[in-house]
């Protein structure tokens, strides 16, 4: 039962927080004049990566699941994922400017 509750919690967190951040980034891209149909997927992917890092390093320890596998991501992996997420977030304005 705890696993099911944790799965529901993960889905709701990703849907609500990811939806809000994704819409915010999509709106910001539209205001900058970036074609969101062409480059918008990069912003949404970066939000997903950031949410995965945030969940694995913070949110998983405040949930219902108490079994095996509750470890933080290694710092190097976290830094690589955060850097790639920020790069994906900043890439659409650059590509829009170049092309």
PDB file of N, CA and C in Angstrom:
ATOM      1  N   UNK A   1       0.820  -1.196   0.000  1.00  0.00           N
ATOM      2  CA  UNK A   1       0.000   0.000   0.000  1.00  0.00           C
ATOM      3  C   UNK A   1       0.866   1.263   0.000  1.00  0.00           C
ATOM      4  N   UNK A   2       1.998   1.214   0.760  1.00  0.00           N
ATOM      5  CA  UNK A   2       2.880   2.381   0.807  1.00  0.00           C
ATOM      6  C   UNK A   2       3.499   2.671  -0.560  1.00  0.00           C
ATOM      7  N   UNK A   3       3.808   1.618  -1.294  1.00  0.00           N
ATOM      8  CA  UNK A   3       4.402   1.795  -2.618  1.00  0.00           C
ATOM      9  C   UNK A   3       3.395   2.468  -3.549  1.00  0.00           C
ATOM     10  N   UNK A   4       2.150   2.072  -3.484  1.00  0.00           N
ATOM     11  CA  UNK A   4       1.107   2.668  -4.316  1.00  0.00           C
ATOM     12  C   UNK A   4       0.901   4.138  -3.960  1.00  0.00           C
ATOM     13  N   UNK A   5       0.898   4.448  -2.669  1.00  0.00           N
ATOM     14  CA  UNK A   5       0.754   5.841  -2.247  1.00  0.00           C
ATOM     15  C   UNK A   5       1.939   6.688  -2.728  1.00  0.00           C
ATOM     16  N   UNK A   6       3.129   6.118  -2.654  1.00  0.00           N
ATOM     17  CA  UNK A   6       4.311   6.846  -3.113  1.00  0.00           C
ATOM     18  C   UNK A   6       4.272   7.058  -4.625  1.00  0.00           C
ATOM     19  N   UNK A   7       3.803   6.069  -5.360  1.00  0.00           N
ATOM     20  CA  UNK A   7       3.677   6.208  -6.813  1.00  0.00           C
ATOM     21  C   UNK A   7       2.681   7.297  -7.175  1.00  0.00           C
ATOM     22  N   UNK A   8       1.560   7.339  -6.480  1.00  0.00           N
ATOM     23  CA  UNK A   8       0.562   8.394  -6.706  1.00  0.00           C
ATOM     24  C   UNK A   8       1.157   9.758  -6.369  1.00  0.00           C
ATOM     25  N   UNK A   9       1.917   9.810  -5.288  1.00  0.00           N
ATOM     26  CA  UNK A   9       2.567  11.056  -4.879  1.00  0.00           C
ATOM     27  C   UNK A   9       3.547  11.532  -5.950  1.00  0.00           C
ATOM     28  N   UNK A  10       4.340  10.620  -6.493  1.00  0.00           N
ATOM     29  CA  UNK A  10       5.300  10.973  -7.546  1.00  0.00           C
ATOM     30  C   UNK A  10       4.573  11.508  -8.773  1.00  0.00           C
ATOM     31  N   UNK A  11       3.528  10.833  -9.183  1.00  0.00           N
ATOM     32  CA  UNK A  11       2.782  11.256 -10.368  1.00  0.00           C
ATOM     33  C   UNK A  11       2.190  12.637 -10.160  1.00  0.00           C
ATOM     34  N   UNK A  12       1.604  12.869  -8.995  1.00  0.00           N
ATOM     35  CA  UNK A  12       1.015  14.183  -8.726  1.00  0.00           C
ATOM     36  C   UNK A  12       2.067  15.280  -8.642  1.00  0.00           C
ATOM     37  N   UNK A  13       3.198  14.997  -7.986  1.00  0.00           N
ATOM     38  CA  UNK A  13       4.264  15.993  -7.905  1.00  0.00           C
ATOM     39  C   UNK A  13       4.784  16.363  -9.286  1.00  0.00           C
ATOM     40  N   UNK A  14       5.054  15.354 -10.087  1.00  0.00           N
ATOM     41  CA  UNK A  14       5.586  15.628 -11.423  1.00  0.00           C
ATOM     42  C   UNK A  14       4.544  16.317 -12.298  1.00  0.00           C
ATOM     43  N   UNK A  15       3.288  15.909 -12.176  1.00  0.00           N
ATOM     44  CA  UNK A  15       2.253  16.517 -13.007  1.00  0.00           C
ATOM     45  C   UNK A  15       1.995  17.967 -12.610  1.00  0.00           C
ATOM     46  N   UNK A  16       1.886  18.220 -11.324  1.00  0.00           N
ATOM     47  CA  UNK A  16       1.554  19.578 -10.880  1.00  0.00           C
ATOM     48  C   UNK A  16       2.752  20.512 -11.018  1.00  0.00           C
ATOM     49  N   UNK A  17       3.864  20.147 -10.402  1.00  0.00           N
ATOM     50  CA  UNK A  17       5.051  21.013 -10.450  1.00  0.00           C
ATOM     51  C   UNK A  17       5.600  21.091 -11.874  1.00  0.00           C
ATOM     52  N   UNK A  18       5.666  19.956 -12.551  1.00  0.00           N
ATOM     53  CA  UNK A  18       6.149  19.955 -13.928  1.00  0.00           C
ATOM     54  C   UNK A  18       5.248  20.732 -14.864  1.00  0.00           C
ATOM     55  N   UNK A  19       3.948  20.623 -14.647  1.00  0.00           N
ATOM     56  CA  UNK A  19       3.011  21.382 -15.473  1.00  0.00           C
ATOM     57  C   UNK A  19       3.142  22.881 -15.270  1.00  0.00           C
ATOM     58  N   UNK A  20       3.270  23.301 -14.016  1.00  0.00           N
ATOM     59  CA  UNK A  20       3.412  24.729 -13.731  1.00  0.00           C
ATOM     60  C   UNK A  20       4.714  25.269 -14.304  1.00  0.00           C
ATOM     61  N   UNK A  21       5.820  24.572 -14.043  1.00  0.00           N
ATOM     62  CA  UNK A  21       7.111  25.034 -14.559  1.00  0.00           C
ATOM     63  C   UNK A  21       7.170  24.966 -16.086  1.00  0.00           C
ATOM     64  N   UNK A  22       6.604  23.899 -16.659  1.00  0.00           N
ATOM     65  CA  UNK A  22       6.594  23.770 -18.114  1.00  0.00           C
ATOM     66  C   UNK A  22       5.797  24.870 -18.792  1.00  0.00           C
ATOM     67  N   UNK A  23       4.640  25.202 -18.217  1.00  0.00           N
ATOM     68  CA  UNK A  23       3.840  26.301 -18.779  1.00  0.00           C
ATOM     69  C   UNK A  23       4.544  27.638 -18.624  1.00  0.00           C
ATOM     70  N   UNK A  24       5.199  27.826 -17.492  1.00  0.00           N
ATOM     71  CA  UNK A  24       5.943  29.067 -17.276  1.00  0.00           C
ATOM     72  C   UNK A  24       7.069  29.212 -18.301  1.00  0.00           C
ATOM     73  N   UNK A  25       7.812  28.135 -18.533  1.00  0.00           N
ATOM     74  CA  UNK A  25       8.908  28.180 -19.502  1.00  0.00           C
ATOM     75  C   UNK A  25       8.364  28.354 -20.916  1.00  0.00           C
ATOM     76  N   UNK A  26       7.270  27.659 -21.237  1.00  0.00           N
ATOM     77  CA  UNK A  26       6.653  27.823 -22.555  1.00  0.00           C
ATOM     78  C   UNK A  26       6.191  29.250 -22.788  1.00  0.00           C
ATOM     79  N   UNK A  27       5.605  29.862 -21.764  1.00  0.00           N
ATOM     80  CA  UNK A  27       5.174  31.257 -21.877  1.00  0.00           C
ATOM     81  C   UNK A  27       6.378  32.176 -22.047  1.00  0.00           C
ATOM     82  N   UNK A  28       7.449  31.923 -21.299  1.00  0.00           N
ATOM     83  CA  UNK A  28       8.655  32.745 -21.419  1.00  0.00           C
ATOM     84  C   UNK A  28       9.261  32.611 -22.817  1.00  0.00           C
ATOM     85  N   UNK A  29       9.270  31.405 -23.358  1.00  0.00           N
ATOM     86  CA  UNK A  29       9.779  31.216 -24.715  1.00  0.00           C
ATOM     87  C   UNK A  29       8.918  31.961 -25.738  1.00  0.00           C
ATOM     88  N   UNK A  30       7.611  31.917 -25.563  1.00  0.00           N
ATOM     89  CA  UNK A  30       6.730  32.642 -26.477  1.00  0.00           C
ATOM     90  C   UNK A  30       6.966  34.143 -26.396  1.00  0.00           C
ATOM     91  N   UNK A  31       7.184  34.664 -25.201  1.00  0.00           N
ATOM     92  CA  UNK A  31       7.440  36.093 -25.042  1.00  0.00           C
ATOM     93  C   UNK A  31       8.764  36.505 -25.685  1.00  0.00           C
ATOM     94  N   UNK A  32       9.732  35.586 -25.721  1.00  0.00           N
ATOM     95  CA  UNK A  32      11.019  35.875 -26.360  1.00  0.00           C
ATOM     96  C   UNK A  32      10.959  35.667 -27.871  1.00  0.00           C
ATOM     97  N   UNK A  33       9.842  35.167 -28.373  1.00  0.00           N
ATOM     98  CA  UNK A  33       9.704  34.949 -29.804  1.00  0.00           C
ATOM     99  C   UNK A  33      10.300  33.650 -30.292  1.00  0.00           C
ATOM    100  N   UNK A  34      10.421  32.675 -29.400  1.00  0.00           N
ATOM    101  CA  UNK A  34      10.994  31.379 -29.747  1.00  0.00           C
ATOM    102  C   UNK A  34       9.878  30.462 -30.227  1.00  0.00           C
ATOM    103  N   UNK A  35      10.123  29.755 -31.315  1.00  0.00           N
ATOM    104  CA  UNK A  35       9.156  28.809 -31.846  1.00  0.00           C
ATOM    105  C   UNK A  35       9.076  27.602 -30.903  1.00  0.00           C
ATOM    106  N   UNK A  36       8.009  27.520 -30.125  1.00  0.00           N
ATOM    107  CA  UNK A  36       7.905  26.445 -29.133  1.00  0.00           C
ATOM    108  C   UNK A  36       7.607  25.095 -29.768  1.00  0.00           C
ATOM    109  N   UNK A  37       7.060  25.085 -30.963  1.00  0.00           N
ATOM    110  CA  UNK A  37       6.820  23.804 -31.634  1.00  0.00           C
ATOM    111  C   UNK A  37       8.135  23.169 -32.075  1.00  0.00           C
ATOM    112  N   UNK A  38       9.106  24.000 -32.347  1.00  0.00           N
ATOM    113  CA  UNK A  38      10.386  23.506 -32.832  1.00  0.00           C
ATOM    114  C   UNK A  38      11.371  23.235 -31.689  1.00  0.00           C
ATOM    115  N   UNK A  39      11.432  24.146 -30.717  1.00  0.00           N
ATOM    116  CA  UNK A  39      12.438  24.057 -29.657  1.00  0.00           C
ATOM    117  C   UNK A  39      11.851  23.897 -28.258  1.00  0.00           C
ATOM    118  N   UNK A  40      10.552  23.861 -28.128  1.00  0.00           N
ATOM    119  CA  UNK A  40       9.933  23.809 -26.813  1.00  0.00           C
ATOM    120  C   UNK A  40      10.208  22.538 -26.036  1.00  0.00           C
ATOM    121  N   UNK A  41      10.453  21.448 -26.736  1.00  0.00           N
ATOM    122  CA  UNK A  41      10.699  20.174 -26.052  1.00  0.00           C
ATOM    123  C   UNK A  41      11.938  20.231 -25.175  1.00  0.00           C
ATOM    124  N   UNK A  42      12.886  21.085 -25.514  1.00  0.00           N
ATOM    125  CA  UNK A  42      14.104  21.182 -24.711  1.00  0.00           C
ATOM    126  C   UNK A  42      13.816  21.761 -23.328  1.00  0.00           C
ATOM    127  N   UNK A  43      12.956  22.748 -23.273  1.00  0.00           N
ATOM    128  CA  UNK A  43      12.586  23.335 -21.993  1.00  0.00           C
ATOM    129  C   UNK A  43      11.829  22.360 -21.118  1.00  0.00           C
ATOM    130  N   UNK A  44      10.916  21.612 -21.711  1.00  0.00           N
ATOM    131  CA  UNK A  44      10.139  20.645 -20.943  1.00  0.00           C
ATOM    132  C   UNK A  44      11.014  19.472 -20.480  1.00  0.00           C
ATOM    133  N   UNK A  45      11.975  19.082 -21.300  1.00  0.00           N
ATOM    134  CA  UNK A  45      12.908  18.029 -20.898  1.00  0.00           C
ATOM    135  C   UNK A  45      13.780  18.499 -19.744  1.00  0.00           C
ATOM    136  N   UNK A  46      14.199  19.749 -19.784  1.00  0.00           N
ATOM    137  CA  UNK A  46      15.026  20.264 -18.692  1.00  0.00           C
ATOM    138  C   UNK A  46      14.248  20.312 -17.385  1.00  0.00           C
ATOM    139  N   UNK A  47      12.959  20.642 -17.454  1.00  0.00           N
ATOM    140  CA  UNK A  47      12.126  20.630 -16.246  1.00  0.00           C
ATOM    141  C   UNK A  47      12.017  19.215 -15.700  1.00  0.00           C
ATOM    142  N   UNK A  48      11.830  18.238 -16.567  1.00  0.00           N
ATOM    143  CA  UNK A  48      11.731  16.850 -16.126  1.00  0.00           C
ATOM    144  C   UNK A  48      13.024  16.396 -15.454  1.00  0.00           C
ATOM    145  N   UNK A  49      14.168  16.738 -16.033  1.00  0.00           N
ATOM    146  CA  UNK A  49      15.449  16.345 -15.450  1.00  0.00           C
ATOM    147  C   UNK A  49      15.624  16.988 -14.080  1.00  0.00           C
ATOM    148  N   UNK A  50      15.297  18.265 -13.960  1.00  0.00           N
ATOM    149  CA  UNK A  50      15.408  18.937 -12.665  1.00  0.00           C
ATOM    150  C   UNK A  50      14.493  18.303 -11.619  1.00  0.00           C
ATOM    151  N   UNK A  51      13.291  17.907 -12.023  1.00  0.00           N
ATOM    152  CA  UNK A  51      12.377  17.261 -11.086  1.00  0.00           C
ATOM    153  C   UNK A  51      12.896  15.897 -10.636  1.00  0.00           C
ATOM    154  N   UNK A  52      13.515  15.167 -11.549  1.00  0.00           N
ATOM    155  CA  UNK A  52      14.090  13.866 -11.176  1.00  0.00           C
ATOM    156  C   UNK A  52      15.202  14.049 -10.154  1.00  0.00           C
ATOM    157  N   UNK A  53      16.078  15.024 -10.374  1.00  0.00           N
ATOM    158  CA  UNK A  53      17.161  15.284  -9.426  1.00  0.00           C
ATOM    159  C   UNK A  53      16.595  15.734  -8.083  1.00  0.00           C
ATOM    160  N   UNK A  54      15.619  16.616  -8.121  1.00  0.00           N
ATOM    161  CA  UNK A  54      15.009  17.093  -6.878  1.00  0.00           C
ATOM    162  C   UNK A  54      14.324  15.966  -6.129  1.00  0.00           C
ATOM    163  N   UNK A  55      13.637  15.090  -6.852  1.00  0.00           N
ATOM    164  CA  UNK A  55      12.971  13.976  -6.183  1.00  0.00           C
ATOM    165  C   UNK A  55      13.991  13.027  -5.568  1.00  0.00           C
ATOM    166  N   UNK A  56      14.994  12.659  -6.344  1.00  0.00           N
ATOM    167  CA  UNK A  56      15.973  11.675  -5.846  1.00  0.00           C
ATOM    168  C   UNK A  56      16.807  12.208  -4.689  1.00  0.00           C
ATOM    169  N   UNK A  57      17.025  13.531  -4.622  1.00  0.00           N
ATOM    170  CA  UNK A  57      17.878  14.081  -3.577  1.00  0.00           C
ATOM    171  C   UNK A  57      17.104  14.643  -2.384  1.00  0.00           C
ATOM    172  N   UNK A  58      15.833  14.970  -2.524  1.00  0.00           N
ATOM    173  CA  UNK A  58      15.086  15.583  -1.421  1.00  0.00           C
ATOM    174  C   UNK A  58      13.745  14.893  -1.155  1.00  0.00           C
ATOM    175  N   UNK A  59      12.879  14.872  -2.156  1.00  0.00           N
ATOM    176  CA  UNK A  59      11.487  14.489  -1.937  1.00  0.00           C
ATOM    177  C   UNK A  59      11.295  13.024  -1.571  1.00  0.00           C
ATOM    178  N   UNK A  60      12.167  12.127  -1.992  1.00  0.00           N
ATOM    179  CA  UNK A  60      11.965  10.707  -1.722  1.00  0.00           C
ATOM    180  C   UNK A  60      12.089  10.391  -0.238  1.00  0.00           C
ATOM    181  N   UNK A  61      12.741  11.251   0.516  1.00  0.00           N
ATOM    182  CA  UNK A  61      12.936  10.993   1.940  1.00  0.00           C
ATOM    183  C   UNK A  61      11.771  11.491   2.790  1.00  0.00           C
ATOM    184  N   UNK A  62      10.830  12.208   2.181  1.00  0.00           N
ATOM    185  CA  UNK A  62       9.685  12.706   2.931  1.00  0.00           C
ATOM    186  C   UNK A  62       8.391  11.981   2.556  1.00  0.00           C
ATOM    187  N   UNK A  63       8.493  10.876   1.835  1.00  0.00           N
ATOM    188  CA  UNK A  63       7.313  10.151   1.379  1.00  0.00           C
ATOM    189  C   UNK A  63       6.947   8.983   2.259  1.00  0.00           C
ATOM    190  N   UNK A  64       6.071   8.134   1.729  1.00  0.00           N
ATOM    191  CA  UNK A  64       5.577   6.988   2.472  1.00  0.00           C
ATOM    192  C   UNK A  64       6.465   5.752   2.341  1.00  0.00           C
ATOM    193  N   UNK A  65       7.217   5.678   1.265  1.00  0.00           N
ATOM    194  CA  UNK A  65       8.026   4.475   1.020  1.00  0.00           C
ATOM    195  C   UNK A  65       9.250   4.476   1.927  1.00  0.00           C
ATOM    196  N   UNK A  66       9.486   3.349   2.613  1.00  0.00           N
ATOM    197  CA  UNK A  66      10.621   3.265   3.527  1.00  0.00           C
ATOM    198  C   UNK A  66      11.512   2.058   3.207  1.00  0.00           C
ATOM    199  N   UNK A  67      11.400   1.488   2.031  1.00  0.00           N
ATOM    200  CA  UNK A  67      12.154   0.290   1.675  1.00  0.00           C
ATOM    201  C   UNK A  67      13.541   0.592   1.147  1.00  0.00           C
ATOM    202  N   UNK A  68      14.081  -0.394   0.440  1.00  0.00           N
ATOM    203  CA  UNK A  68      15.424  -0.281  -0.136  1.00  0.00           C
ATOM    204  C   UNK A  68      15.436   0.725  -1.283  1.00  0.00           C
ATOM    205  N   UNK A  69      16.624   1.183  -1.604  1.00  0.00           N
ATOM    206  CA  UNK A  69      16.785   2.052  -2.756  1.00  0.00           C
ATOM    207  C   UNK A  69      16.609   3.523  -2.468  1.00  0.00           C
ATOM    208  N   UNK A  70      16.513   3.904  -1.211  1.00  0.00           N
ATOM    209  CA  UNK A  70      16.341   5.315  -0.863  1.00  0.00           C
ATOM    210  C   UNK A  70      17.704   5.945  -0.624  1.00  0.00           C
ATOM    211  N   UNK A  71      18.398   6.231  -1.693  1.00  0.00           N
ATOM    212  CA  UNK A  71      19.703   6.872  -1.590  1.00  0.00           C
ATOM    213  C   UNK A  71      19.728   8.083  -2.513  1.00  0.00           C
ATOM    214  N   UNK A  72      20.523   9.064  -2.128  1.00  0.00           N
ATOM    215  CA  UNK A  72      20.685  10.244  -2.962  1.00  0.00           C
ATOM    216  C   UNK A  72      21.510   9.895  -4.195  1.00  0.00           C
ATOM    217  N   UNK A  73      21.336  10.701  -5.221  1.00  0.00           N
ATOM    218  CA  UNK A  73      22.206  10.582  -6.383  1.00  0.00           C
ATOM    219  C   UNK A  73      23.607  11.019  -5.989  1.00  0.00           C
ATOM    220  N   UNK A  74      24.626  10.412  -6.581  1.00  0.00           N
ATOM    221  CA  UNK A  74      25.985  10.900  -6.314  1.00  0.00           C
ATOM    222  C   UNK A  74      26.110  12.367  -6.748  1.00  0.00           C
ATOM    223  N   UNK A  75      26.955  13.111  -6.051  1.00  0.00           N
ATOM    224  CA  UNK A  75      27.090  14.547  -6.340  1.00  0.00           C
ATOM    225  C   UNK A  75      27.500  14.798  -7.781  1.00  0.00           C
ATOM    226  N   UNK A  76      28.374  13.962  -8.297  1.00  0.00           N
ATOM    227  CA  UNK A  76      28.833  14.145  -9.683  1.00  0.00           C
ATOM    228  C   UNK A  76      27.670  13.963 -10.668  1.00  0.00           C
ATOM    229  N   UNK A  77      26.848  12.953 -10.441  1.00  0.00           N
ATOM    230  CA  UNK A  77      25.693  12.712 -11.311  1.00  0.00           C
ATOM    231  C   UNK A  77      24.701  13.860 -11.199  1.00  0.00           C
ATOM    232  N   UNK A  78      24.466  14.328  -9.974  1.00  0.00           N
ATOM    233  CA  UNK A  78      23.552  15.459  -9.778  1.00  0.00           C
ATOM    234  C   UNK A  78      24.045  16.690 -10.522  1.00  0.00           C
ATOM    235  N   UNK A  79      25.336  16.971 -10.411  1.00  0.00           N
ATOM    236  CA  UNK A  79      25.889  18.145 -11.097  1.00  0.00           C
ATOM    237  C   UNK A  79      25.799  18.016 -12.614  1.00  0.00           C
ATOM    238  N   UNK A  80      26.085  16.830 -13.122  1.00  0.00           N
ATOM    239  CA  UNK A  80      25.993  16.619 -14.574  1.00  0.00           C
ATOM    240  C   UNK A  80      24.554  16.809 -15.051  1.00  0.00           C
ATOM    241  N   UNK A  81      23.589  16.240 -14.314  1.00  0.00           N
ATOM    242  CA  UNK A  81      22.188  16.365 -14.708  1.00  0.00           C
ATOM    243  C   UNK A  81      21.700  17.807 -14.614  1.00  0.00           C
ATOM    244  N   UNK A  82      22.098  18.512 -13.567  1.00  0.00           N
ATOM    245  CA  UNK A  82      21.682  19.905 -13.421  1.00  0.00           C
ATOM    246  C   UNK A  82      22.318  20.763 -14.515  1.00  0.00           C
ATOM    247  N   UNK A  83      23.582  20.536 -14.820  1.00  0.00           N
ATOM    248  CA  UNK A  83      24.244  21.278 -15.887  1.00  0.00           C
ATOM    249  C   UNK A  83      23.586  21.014 -17.237  1.00  0.00           C
ATOM    250  N   UNK A  84      23.273  19.750 -17.508  1.00  0.00           N
ATOM    251  CA  UNK A  84      22.621  19.439 -18.787  1.00  0.00           C
ATOM    252  C   UNK A  84      21.220  20.031 -18.840  1.00  0.00           C
ATOM    253  N   UNK A  85      20.530  20.066 -17.715  1.00  0.00           N
ATOM    254  CA  UNK A  85      19.202  20.652 -17.679  1.00  0.00           C
ATOM    255  C   UNK A  85      19.259  22.158 -17.934  1.00  0.00           C
ATOM    256  N   UNK A  86      20.205  22.831 -17.317  1.00  0.00           N
ATOM    257  CA  UNK A  86      20.350  24.270 -17.540  1.00  0.00           C
ATOM    258  C   UNK A  86      20.759  24.541 -18.981  1.00  0.00           C
ATOM    259  N   UNK A  87      21.619  23.683 -19.530  1.00  0.00           N
ATOM    260  CA  UNK A  87      22.015  23.833 -20.936  1.00  0.00           C
ATOM    261  C   UNK A  87      20.817  23.674 -21.861  1.00  0.00           C
ATOM    262  N   UNK A  88      19.982  22.664 -21.592  1.00  0.00           N
ATOM    263  CA  UNK A  88      18.781  22.473 -22.405  1.00  0.00           C
ATOM    264  C   UNK A  88      17.815  23.645 -22.266  1.00  0.00           C
ATOM    265  N   UNK A  89      17.774  24.236 -21.100  1.00  0.00           N
ATOM    266  CA  UNK A  89      16.888  25.369 -20.862  1.00  0.00           C
ATOM    267  C   UNK A  89      17.350  26.610 -21.614  1.00  0.00           C
ATOM    268  N   UNK A  90      18.655  26.792 -21.727  1.00  0.00           N
ATOM    269  CA  UNK A  90      19.199  27.971 -22.397  1.00  0.00           C
ATOM    270  C   UNK A  90      19.433  27.780 -23.889  1.00  0.00           C
ATOM    271  N   UNK A  91      19.353  26.568 -24.372  1.00  0.00           N
ATOM    272  CA  UNK A  91      19.632  26.284 -25.776  1.00  0.00           C
ATOM    273  C   UNK A  91      18.578  26.831 -26.753  1.00  0.00           C
ATOM    274  N   UNK A  92      17.281  26.785 -26.477  1.00  0.00           N
ATOM    275  CA  UNK A  92      16.308  27.313 -27.439  1.00  0.00           C
ATOM    276  C   UNK A  92      16.489  28.788 -27.789  1.00  0.00           C
ATOM    277  N   UNK A  93      16.747  29.685 -26.819  1.00  0.00           N
ATOM    278  CA  UNK A  93      16.998  31.066 -27.238  1.00  0.00           C
ATOM    279  C   UNK A  93      18.217  31.219 -28.147  1.00  0.00           C
ATOM    280  N   UNK A  94      19.263  30.453 -27.870  1.00  0.00           N
ATOM    281  CA  UNK A  94      20.467  30.513 -28.689  1.00  0.00           C
ATOM    282  C   UNK A  94      20.178  29.992 -30.096  1.00  0.00           C
ATOM    283  N   UNK A  95      19.511  28.836 -30.185  1.00  0.00           N
ATOM    284  CA  UNK A  95      19.178  28.275 -31.500  1.00  0.00           C
ATOM    285  C   UNK A  95      18.227  29.171 -32.271  1.00  0.00           C
ATOM    286  N   UNK A  96      17.292  29.777 -31.582  1.00  0.00           N
ATOM    287  CA  UNK A  96      16.354  30.686 -32.232  1.00  0.00           C
ATOM    288  C   UNK A  96      17.075  31.909 -32.781  1.00  0.00           C
ATOM    289  N   UNK A  97      18.077  32.374 -32.063  1.00  0.00           N
ATOM    290  CA  UNK A  97      18.863  33.533 -32.515  1.00  0.00           C
ATOM    291  C   UNK A  97      19.725  33.175 -33.716  1.00  0.00           C
ATOM    292  N   UNK A  98      20.316  31.966 -33.693  1.00  0.00           N
ATOM    293  CA  UNK A  98      21.213  31.557 -34.781  1.00  0.00           C
ATOM    294  C   UNK A  98      20.417  31.251 -36.054  1.00  0.00           C
ATOM    295  N   UNK A  99      19.325  30.518 -35.913  1.00  0.00           N
ATOM    296  CA  UNK A  99      18.557  30.113 -37.099  1.00  0.00           C
ATOM    297  C   UNK A  99      17.417  31.043 -37.242  1.00  0.00           C
TER     298      UNK A  99
END
